[in-house]
Amino acid sequence: MAVEKLDILAFAAHPDDAELACSGTLLKHIQLGYKVGVVDLTQGDLGTRGSIEIRAREAEKSSQILGLSARENLKMPDGFFDQTEENLKKIIYAIRKYQPDVLFANAIHDRHPDHGRGSEIVSRANFLSGLAKIKTYDHDGQEQAPWRPSNVYHYIQFRHIKPDFIVDITQQWPTKLEAIKAFESQFFNPDSDEPETLIASEKFLKYIEARAREFGAAIETEFGEGFTTEKPIGVHDVLRLT
């Protein structure tokens, strides 16, 4: 099986995590000509609203809105995925399959415990993916080559975390909001008769907008998305920093 090379691969504990936290950045880089994909760790099966089938359809709709080159779901147990060898190898398989230069992962800690757990397991799998003695095989039975992206960046979700860098997503904001709203079962819908949750309340999308405006204000733009880094970022030309 040929490598399906991507420039950026975003991992998310649940379908819609990437949309909420980093889809503006994903879209911006797609518009710059880069190939971008998303791998969801779970199907979000413990969510109060919707179902596995509904969320899969919503993820597909969002992927089309954003123009992703690839999206798949590793179908780990929502709420109960741990750093087992099986789960780590699922992530390693995906990293080696797509050979991204940069990984995005969940927030390092957050209101939902799956987010911090997702952050940790992806970070660990990223390191292990570069070890030649860990063997994984593609669907044709061919051994995958070791691959370790140069950087892992963690997007910021519900809890406030001071970002190490912020991406201007002002031009991408309307489409980001459209991608979020593709998950109709999860977010505010006045016509829904399902139980109200925090994320399904009208105020939740206002939180998302407020956070984007906060990060945007920090870099003197209208909207932004913040990220933390696992290591210092090397700079070759300080005049190209904004």
C-alpha atoms as a PDB file:
ATOM      1  CA  MET A   1       0.000   0.000   0.000  1.00  0.00           C
ATOM      2  CA  ALA A   2       1.437   3.366  -0.995  1.00  0.00           C
ATOM      3  CA  VAL A   3       1.997   5.983   1.685  1.00  0.00           C
ATOM      4  CA  GLU A   4      -0.811   8.552   1.744  1.00  0.00           C
ATOM      5  CA  LYS A   5       1.497  11.450   2.612  1.00  0.00           C
ATOM      6  CA  LEU A   6      -0.009  14.372   4.507  1.00  0.00           C
ATOM      7  CA  ASP A   7       1.572  17.598   5.659  1.00  0.00           C
ATOM      8  CA  ILE A   8      -0.540  17.925   8.814  1.00  0.00           C
ATOM      9  CA  LEU A   9      -2.405  15.210  10.705  1.00  0.00           C
ATOM     10  CA  ALA A  10      -4.726  16.196  13.549  1.00  0.00           C
ATOM     11  CA  PHE A  11      -5.685  13.611  16.137  1.00  0.00           C
ATOM     12  CA  ALA A  12      -8.854  14.098  18.169  1.00  0.00           C
ATOM     13  CA  ALA A  13     -10.316  12.128  21.051  1.00  0.00           C
ATOM     14  CA  HIS A  14     -13.827  12.655  19.658  1.00  0.00           C
ATOM     15  CA  PRO A  15     -15.368  13.597  16.326  1.00  0.00           C
ATOM     16  CA  ASP A  16     -15.830  17.397  16.549  1.00  0.00           C
ATOM     17  CA  ASP A  17     -12.793  18.079  18.814  1.00  0.00           C
ATOM     18  CA  ALA A  18     -10.716  19.170  15.825  1.00  0.00           C
ATOM     19  CA  GLU A  19     -13.558  21.263  14.436  1.00  0.00           C
ATOM     20  CA  LEU A  20     -14.012  23.133  17.702  1.00  0.00           C
ATOM     21  CA  ALA A  21     -10.353  23.729  18.475  1.00  0.00           C
ATOM     22  CA  CYS A  22      -8.203  23.782  15.341  1.00  0.00           C
ATOM     23  CA  SER A  23     -10.324  23.612  12.183  1.00  0.00           C
ATOM     24  CA  GLY A  24      -9.533  27.221  11.296  1.00  0.00           C
ATOM     25  CA  THR A  25      -5.837  26.367  11.265  1.00  0.00           C
ATOM     26  CA  LEU A  26      -6.469  23.165   9.288  1.00  0.00           C
ATOM     27  CA  LEU A  27      -8.511  25.086   6.732  1.00  0.00           C
ATOM     28  CA  LYS A  28      -5.924  27.859   6.489  1.00  0.00           C
ATOM     29  CA  HIS A  29      -3.207  25.365   5.612  1.00  0.00           C
ATOM     30  CA  ILE A  30      -5.441  23.570   3.128  1.00  0.00           C
ATOM     31  CA  GLN A  31      -5.964  26.929   1.444  1.00  0.00           C
ATOM     32  CA  LEU A  32      -2.181  27.364   1.406  1.00  0.00           C
ATOM     33  CA  GLY A  33      -1.933  24.138  -0.601  1.00  0.00           C
ATOM     34  CA  TYR A  34      -1.035  21.649   2.124  1.00  0.00           C
ATOM     35  CA  LYS A  35      -2.589  18.201   2.505  1.00  0.00           C
ATOM     36  CA  VAL A  36      -4.362  17.825   5.831  1.00  0.00           C
ATOM     37  CA  GLY A  37      -6.175  14.964   7.548  1.00  0.00           C
ATOM     38  CA  VAL A  38      -7.932  14.111  10.810  1.00  0.00           C
ATOM     39  CA  VAL A  39      -7.896  10.876  12.816  1.00  0.00           C
ATOM     40  CA  ASP A  40     -10.562  10.561  15.511  1.00  0.00           C
ATOM     41  CA  LEU A  41      -9.642   8.153  18.307  1.00  0.00           C
ATOM     42  CA  THR A  42     -13.217   7.286  19.317  1.00  0.00           C
ATOM     43  CA  GLN A  43     -16.669   7.416  17.765  1.00  0.00           C
ATOM     44  CA  GLY A  44     -17.993   9.580  20.598  1.00  0.00           C
ATOM     45  CA  ASP A  45     -20.349   6.789  21.582  1.00  0.00           C
ATOM     46  CA  LEU A  46     -20.801   8.038  25.156  1.00  0.00           C
ATOM     47  CA  GLY A  47     -22.145  11.392  24.028  1.00  0.00           C
ATOM     48  CA  THR A  48     -25.537  12.251  25.488  1.00  0.00           C
ATOM     49  CA  ARG A  49     -26.923  13.273  22.111  1.00  0.00           C
ATOM     50  CA  GLY A  50     -26.795  11.632  18.723  1.00  0.00           C
ATOM     51  CA  SER A  51     -25.380   8.191  17.921  1.00  0.00           C
ATOM     52  CA  ILE A  52     -22.304   6.607  16.369  1.00  0.00           C
ATOM     53  CA  GLU A  53     -23.987   6.548  12.971  1.00  0.00           C
ATOM     54  CA  ILE A  54     -25.149  10.165  13.169  1.00  0.00           C
ATOM     55  CA  ARG A  55     -21.766  11.433  14.293  1.00  0.00           C
ATOM     56  CA  ALA A  56     -20.028   9.532  11.502  1.00  0.00           C
ATOM     57  CA  ARG A  57     -22.278  11.267   8.951  1.00  0.00           C
ATOM     58  CA  GLU A  58     -21.653  14.613  10.599  1.00  0.00           C
ATOM     59  CA  ALA A  59     -17.885  14.054  10.544  1.00  0.00           C
ATOM     60  CA  GLU A  60     -18.068  13.277   6.832  1.00  0.00           C
ATOM     61  CA  LYS A  61     -20.049  16.460   6.179  1.00  0.00           C
ATOM     62  CA  SER A  62     -17.577  18.540   8.163  1.00  0.00           C
ATOM     63  CA  SER A  63     -14.641  16.938   6.335  1.00  0.00           C
ATOM     64  CA  GLN A  64     -16.157  17.971   3.010  1.00  0.00           C
ATOM     65  CA  ILE A  65     -16.703  21.528   4.250  1.00  0.00           C
ATOM     66  CA  LEU A  66     -13.060  21.791   5.305  1.00  0.00           C
ATOM     67  CA  GLY A  67     -11.681  19.952   2.271  1.00  0.00           C
ATOM     68  CA  LEU A  68      -9.726  17.352   4.223  1.00  0.00           C
ATOM     69  CA  SER A  69      -7.597  14.918   2.236  1.00  0.00           C
ATOM     70  CA  ALA A  70      -8.285  12.088   4.691  1.00  0.00           C
ATOM     71  CA  ARG A  71     -10.321  11.265   7.767  1.00  0.00           C
ATOM     72  CA  GLU A  72     -10.660   8.035   9.688  1.00  0.00           C
ATOM     73  CA  ASN A  73     -11.774   6.765  13.070  1.00  0.00           C
ATOM     74  CA  LEU A  74      -9.733   4.332  15.183  1.00  0.00           C
ATOM     75  CA  LYS A  75     -12.849   3.227  17.104  1.00  0.00           C
ATOM     76  CA  MET A  76     -11.253   3.145  20.542  1.00  0.00           C
ATOM     77  CA  PRO A  77     -13.740   2.924  23.442  1.00  0.00           C
ATOM     78  CA  ASP A  78     -15.037   6.384  24.264  1.00  0.00           C
ATOM     79  CA  GLY A  79     -14.238   7.277  27.870  1.00  0.00           C
ATOM     80  CA  PHE A  80     -12.182   4.141  28.449  1.00  0.00           C
ATOM     81  CA  PHE A  81      -9.267   4.178  26.017  1.00  0.00           C
ATOM     82  CA  ASP A  82      -5.939   3.649  27.767  1.00  0.00           C
ATOM     83  CA  GLN A  83      -2.305   3.515  26.715  1.00  0.00           C
ATOM     84  CA  THR A  84      -2.391  -0.158  25.833  1.00  0.00           C
ATOM     85  CA  GLU A  85      -0.064  -1.613  23.235  1.00  0.00           C
ATOM     86  CA  GLU A  86      -3.060  -2.203  20.968  1.00  0.00           C
ATOM     87  CA  ASN A  87      -4.216   1.410  21.109  1.00  0.00           C
ATOM     88  CA  LEU A  88      -0.715   2.831  20.767  1.00  0.00           C
ATOM     89  CA  LYS A  89      -0.125   0.688  17.686  1.00  0.00           C
ATOM     90  CA  LYS A  90      -3.366   1.940  16.131  1.00  0.00           C
ATOM     91  CA  ILE A  91      -2.027   5.474  16.376  1.00  0.00           C
ATOM     92  CA  ILE A  92       1.454   4.430  15.237  1.00  0.00           C
ATOM     93  CA  TYR A  93      -0.145   2.752  12.225  1.00  0.00           C
ATOM     94  CA  ALA A  94      -1.944   5.989  11.309  1.00  0.00           C
ATOM     95  CA  ILE A  95       1.199   8.113  11.734  1.00  0.00           C
ATOM     96  CA  ARG A  96       3.216   5.769   9.537  1.00  0.00           C
ATOM     97  CA  LYS A  97       0.392   5.539   7.003  1.00  0.00           C
ATOM     98  CA  TYR A  98       0.144   9.294   6.500  1.00  0.00           C
ATOM     99  CA  GLN A  99       3.734  10.312   7.354  1.00  0.00           C
ATOM    100  CA  PRO A 100       2.789  13.868   8.408  1.00  0.00           C
ATOM    101  CA  ASP A 101       5.396  16.517   9.048  1.00  0.00           C
ATOM    102  CA  VAL A 102       3.346  17.995  11.894  1.00  0.00           C
ATOM    103  CA  LEU A 103       0.887  16.455  14.347  1.00  0.00           C
ATOM    104  CA  PHE A 104      -1.904  18.230  16.168  1.00  0.00           C
ATOM    105  CA  ALA A 105      -3.277  16.629  19.324  1.00  0.00           C
ATOM    106  CA  ASN A 106      -5.794  17.338  22.059  1.00  0.00           C
ATOM    107  CA  ALA A 107      -5.239  19.861  24.832  1.00  0.00           C
ATOM    108  CA  ILE A 108      -2.719  18.749  27.460  1.00  0.00           C
ATOM    109  CA  HIS A 109      -5.487  18.951  30.090  1.00  0.00           C
ATOM    110  CA  ASP A 110      -9.139  19.874  29.860  1.00  0.00           C
ATOM    111  CA  ARG A 111     -12.653  19.637  31.292  1.00  0.00           C
ATOM    112  CA  HIS A 112     -13.244  16.308  29.519  1.00  0.00           C
ATOM    113  CA  PRO A 113     -10.705  13.737  30.781  1.00  0.00           C
ATOM    114  CA  ASP A 114     -10.532  12.093  27.346  1.00  0.00           C
ATOM    115  CA  HIS A 115      -8.869  15.225  26.000  1.00  0.00           C
ATOM    116  CA  GLY A 116      -5.866  15.050  28.307  1.00  0.00           C
ATOM    117  CA  ARG A 117      -5.736  11.287  27.824  1.00  0.00           C
ATOM    118  CA  GLY A 118      -5.839  11.752  24.055  1.00  0.00           C
ATOM    119  CA  SER A 119      -3.039  14.283  24.292  1.00  0.00           C
ATOM    120  CA  GLU A 120      -0.812  11.882  26.211  1.00  0.00           C
ATOM    121  CA  ILE A 121      -1.414   8.789  24.101  1.00  0.00           C
ATOM    122  CA  VAL A 122      -0.784  10.607  20.805  1.00  0.00           C
ATOM    123  CA  SER A 123       2.391  12.193  22.151  1.00  0.00           C
ATOM    124  CA  ARG A 124       3.689   8.817  23.317  1.00  0.00           C
ATOM    125  CA  ALA A 125       2.705   7.075  20.076  1.00  0.00           C
ATOM    126  CA  ASN A 126       4.461   9.783  18.093  1.00  0.00           C
ATOM    127  CA  PHE A 127       7.755   8.962  19.795  1.00  0.00           C
ATOM    128  CA  LEU A 128       7.261   5.207  19.472  1.00  0.00           C
ATOM    129  CA  SER A 129       6.395   5.577  15.789  1.00  0.00           C
ATOM    130  CA  GLY A 130      10.009   6.494  15.104  1.00  0.00           C
ATOM    131  CA  LEU A 131      11.414   3.294  16.616  1.00  0.00           C
ATOM    132  CA  ALA A 132      12.374   0.755  13.957  1.00  0.00           C
ATOM    133  CA  LYS A 133      11.983  -2.256  16.259  1.00  0.00           C
ATOM    134  CA  ILE A 134       8.258  -1.571  16.689  1.00  0.00           C
ATOM    135  CA  LYS A 135       6.663  -3.396  13.788  1.00  0.00           C
ATOM    136  CA  THR A 136       3.375  -2.416  12.163  1.00  0.00           C
ATOM    137  CA  TYR A 137       1.962  -3.600   8.839  1.00  0.00           C
ATOM    138  CA  ASP A 138      -0.335  -2.053   6.268  1.00  0.00           C
ATOM    139  CA  HIS A 139      -3.487  -3.700   4.925  1.00  0.00           C
ATOM    140  CA  ASP A 140      -1.418  -5.478   2.254  1.00  0.00           C
ATOM    141  CA  GLY A 141       0.818  -7.044   4.902  1.00  0.00           C
ATOM    142  CA  GLN A 142       3.757  -4.827   4.046  1.00  0.00           C
ATOM    143  CA  GLU A 143       5.872  -3.593   6.928  1.00  0.00           C
ATOM    144  CA  GLN A 144       5.481   0.128   7.521  1.00  0.00           C
ATOM    145  CA  ALA A 145       8.548   2.340   7.706  1.00  0.00           C
ATOM    146  CA  PRO A 146       9.282   4.136  11.002  1.00  0.00           C
ATOM    147  CA  TRP A 147       8.123   7.749  10.980  1.00  0.00           C
ATOM    148  CA  ARG A 148       8.238  10.484  13.585  1.00  0.00           C
ATOM    149  CA  PRO A 149       6.829  13.934  12.774  1.00  0.00           C
ATOM    150  CA  SER A 150       9.148  16.771  13.672  1.00  0.00           C
ATOM    151  CA  ASN A 151       6.619  18.566  15.869  1.00  0.00           C
ATOM    152  CA  VAL A 152       3.526  17.888  17.971  1.00  0.00           C
ATOM    153  CA  TYR A 153       1.324  20.873  18.713  1.00  0.00           C
ATOM    154  CA  HIS A 154      -1.553  20.673  21.188  1.00  0.00           C
ATOM    155  CA  TYR A 155      -4.641  22.706  20.431  1.00  0.00           C
ATOM    156  CA  ILE A 156      -6.495  24.437  23.260  1.00  0.00           C
ATOM    157  CA  GLN A 157     -10.049  23.376  24.097  1.00  0.00           C
ATOM    158  CA  PHE A 158     -12.481  24.292  26.889  1.00  0.00           C
ATOM    159  CA  ARG A 159     -10.073  25.097  29.723  1.00  0.00           C
ATOM    160  CA  HIS A 160      -7.917  28.188  29.351  1.00  0.00           C
ATOM    161  CA  ILE A 161      -4.282  27.359  28.654  1.00  0.00           C
ATOM    162  CA  LYS A 162      -1.720  30.013  27.776  1.00  0.00           C
ATOM    163  CA  PRO A 163      -0.773  29.406  24.134  1.00  0.00           C
ATOM    164  CA  ASP A 164       2.796  29.198  22.909  1.00  0.00           C
ATOM    165  CA  PHE A 165       1.677  30.467  19.512  1.00  0.00           C
ATOM    166  CA  ILE A 166      -1.538  31.672  17.892  1.00  0.00           C
ATOM    167  CA  VAL A 167      -2.723  31.246  14.316  1.00  0.00           C
ATOM    168  CA  ASP A 168      -4.756  34.024  12.704  1.00  0.00           C
ATOM    169  CA  ILE A 169      -7.994  32.412  11.453  1.00  0.00           C
ATOM    170  CA  THR A 170      -9.971  35.575  10.766  1.00  0.00           C
ATOM    171  CA  GLN A 171     -10.619  34.689   7.126  1.00  0.00           C
ATOM    172  CA  GLN A 172     -11.378  31.077   8.017  1.00  0.00           C
ATOM    173  CA  TRP A 173     -13.805  31.793  10.875  1.00  0.00           C
ATOM    174  CA  PRO A 174     -17.077  31.577   8.883  1.00  0.00           C
ATOM    175  CA  THR A 175     -16.129  28.188   7.441  1.00  0.00           C
ATOM    176  CA  LYS A 176     -14.895  26.952  10.828  1.00  0.00           C
ATOM    177  CA  LEU A 177     -18.303  27.783  12.265  1.00  0.00           C
ATOM    178  CA  GLU A 178     -19.982  25.955   9.385  1.00  0.00           C
ATOM    179  CA  ALA A 179     -17.822  22.881  10.056  1.00  0.00           C
ATOM    180  CA  ILE A 180     -18.753  22.957  13.750  1.00  0.00           C
ATOM    181  CA  LYS A 181     -22.443  23.256  12.936  1.00  0.00           C
ATOM    182  CA  ALA A 182     -22.171  20.198  10.694  1.00  0.00           C
ATOM    183  CA  PHE A 183     -22.385  18.302  13.995  1.00  0.00           C
ATOM    184  CA  GLU A 184     -26.055  19.157  14.305  1.00  0.00           C
ATOM    185  CA  SER A 185     -26.727  16.513  16.948  1.00  0.00           C
ATOM    186  CA  GLN A 186     -24.095  17.893  19.298  1.00  0.00           C
ATOM    187  CA  PHE A 187     -24.522  21.644  19.306  1.00  0.00           C
ATOM    188  CA  PHE A 188     -27.314  24.138  19.755  1.00  0.00           C
ATOM    189  CA  ASN A 189     -30.404  23.320  17.755  1.00  0.00           C
ATOM    190  CA  PRO A 190     -33.668  24.937  18.904  1.00  0.00           C
ATOM    191  CA  ASP A 191     -35.642  22.225  17.102  1.00  0.00           C
ATOM    192  CA  SER A 192     -33.938  19.326  18.904  1.00  0.00           C
ATOM    193  CA  ASP A 193     -35.890  17.383  21.527  1.00  0.00           C
ATOM    194  CA  GLU A 194     -32.768  15.673  22.931  1.00  0.00           C
ATOM    195  CA  PRO A 195     -31.457  16.454  26.452  1.00  0.00           C
ATOM    196  CA  GLU A 196     -29.654  19.751  26.819  1.00  0.00           C
ATOM    197  CA  THR A 197     -25.967  19.528  27.652  1.00  0.00           C
ATOM    198  CA  LEU A 198     -23.281  22.155  28.134  1.00  0.00           C
ATOM    199  CA  ILE A 199     -22.013  21.842  24.578  1.00  0.00           C
ATOM    200  CA  ALA A 200     -25.561  21.776  23.176  1.00  0.00           C
ATOM    201  CA  SER A 201     -26.517  25.010  24.915  1.00  0.00           C
ATOM    202  CA  GLU A 202     -26.685  28.259  22.984  1.00  0.00           C
ATOM    203  CA  LYS A 203     -24.014  29.771  25.232  1.00  0.00           C
ATOM    204  CA  PHE A 204     -21.425  27.131  24.299  1.00  0.00           C
ATOM    205  CA  LEU A 205     -20.908  28.430  20.765  1.00  0.00           C
ATOM    206  CA  LYS A 206     -20.597  31.879  22.305  1.00  0.00           C
ATOM    207  CA  TYR A 207     -17.758  30.493  24.440  1.00  0.00           C
ATOM    208  CA  ILE A 208     -16.053  29.195  21.298  1.00  0.00           C
ATOM    209  CA  GLU A 209     -16.370  32.568  19.607  1.00  0.00           C
ATOM    210  CA  ALA A 210     -15.161  34.400  22.716  1.00  0.00           C
ATOM    211  CA  ARG A 211     -12.066  32.205  22.935  1.00  0.00           C
ATOM    212  CA  ALA A 212     -11.309  32.748  19.248  1.00  0.00           C
ATOM    213  CA  ARG A 213     -11.716  36.491  19.706  1.00  0.00           C
ATOM    214  CA  GLU A 214      -9.488  36.415  22.805  1.00  0.00           C
ATOM    215  CA  PHE A 215      -6.697  34.660  20.925  1.00  0.00           C
ATOM    216  CA  GLY A 216      -7.226  36.945  17.946  1.00  0.00           C
ATOM    217  CA  ALA A 217      -6.967  40.026  20.134  1.00  0.00           C
ATOM    218  CA  ALA A 218      -3.653  38.782  21.523  1.00  0.00           C
ATOM    219  CA  ILE A 219      -2.140  38.965  18.019  1.00  0.00           C
ATOM    220  CA  GLU A 220      -4.240  41.965  16.952  1.00  0.00           C
ATOM    221  CA  THR A 221      -6.528  40.102  14.572  1.00  0.00           C
ATOM    222  CA  GLU A 222     -10.220  39.304  14.892  1.00  0.00           C
ATOM    223  CA  PHE A 223     -10.061  35.531  15.413  1.00  0.00           C
ATOM    224  CA  GLY A 224      -7.290  33.123  16.393  1.00  0.00           C
ATOM    225  CA  GLU A 225      -6.558  29.571  17.523  1.00  0.00           C
ATOM    226  CA  GLY A 226      -3.975  28.838  20.196  1.00  0.00           C
ATOM    227  CA  PHE A 227      -1.536  25.954  20.497  1.00  0.00           C
ATOM    228  CA  THR A 228       1.049  24.713  22.972  1.00  0.00           C
ATOM    229  CA  THR A 229       4.306  23.056  21.986  1.00  0.00           C
ATOM    230  CA  GLU A 230       6.243  20.122  23.390  1.00  0.00           C
ATOM    231  CA  LYS A 231       9.604  21.685  22.620  1.00  0.00           C
ATOM    232  CA  PRO A 232      10.926  25.137  21.719  1.00  0.00           C
ATOM    233  CA  ILE A 233      10.269  26.236  18.148  1.00  0.00           C
ATOM    234  CA  GLY A 234      13.402  26.861  16.131  1.00  0.00           C
ATOM    235  CA  VAL A 235      13.478  30.146  14.205  1.00  0.00           C
ATOM    236  CA  HIS A 236      15.624  30.771  11.125  1.00  0.00           C
ATOM    237  CA  ASP A 237      14.492  34.311  10.324  1.00  0.00           C
ATOM    238  CA  VAL A 238      13.174  36.552  13.128  1.00  0.00           C
ATOM    239  CA  LEU A 239      11.956  39.072  10.540  1.00  0.00           C
ATOM    240  CA  ARG A 240       9.331  36.578   9.380  1.00  0.00           C
ATOM    241  CA  LEU A 241       7.713  36.407  12.823  1.00  0.00           C
ATOM    242  CA  THR A 242       4.641  38.571  13.383  1.00  0.00           C
END
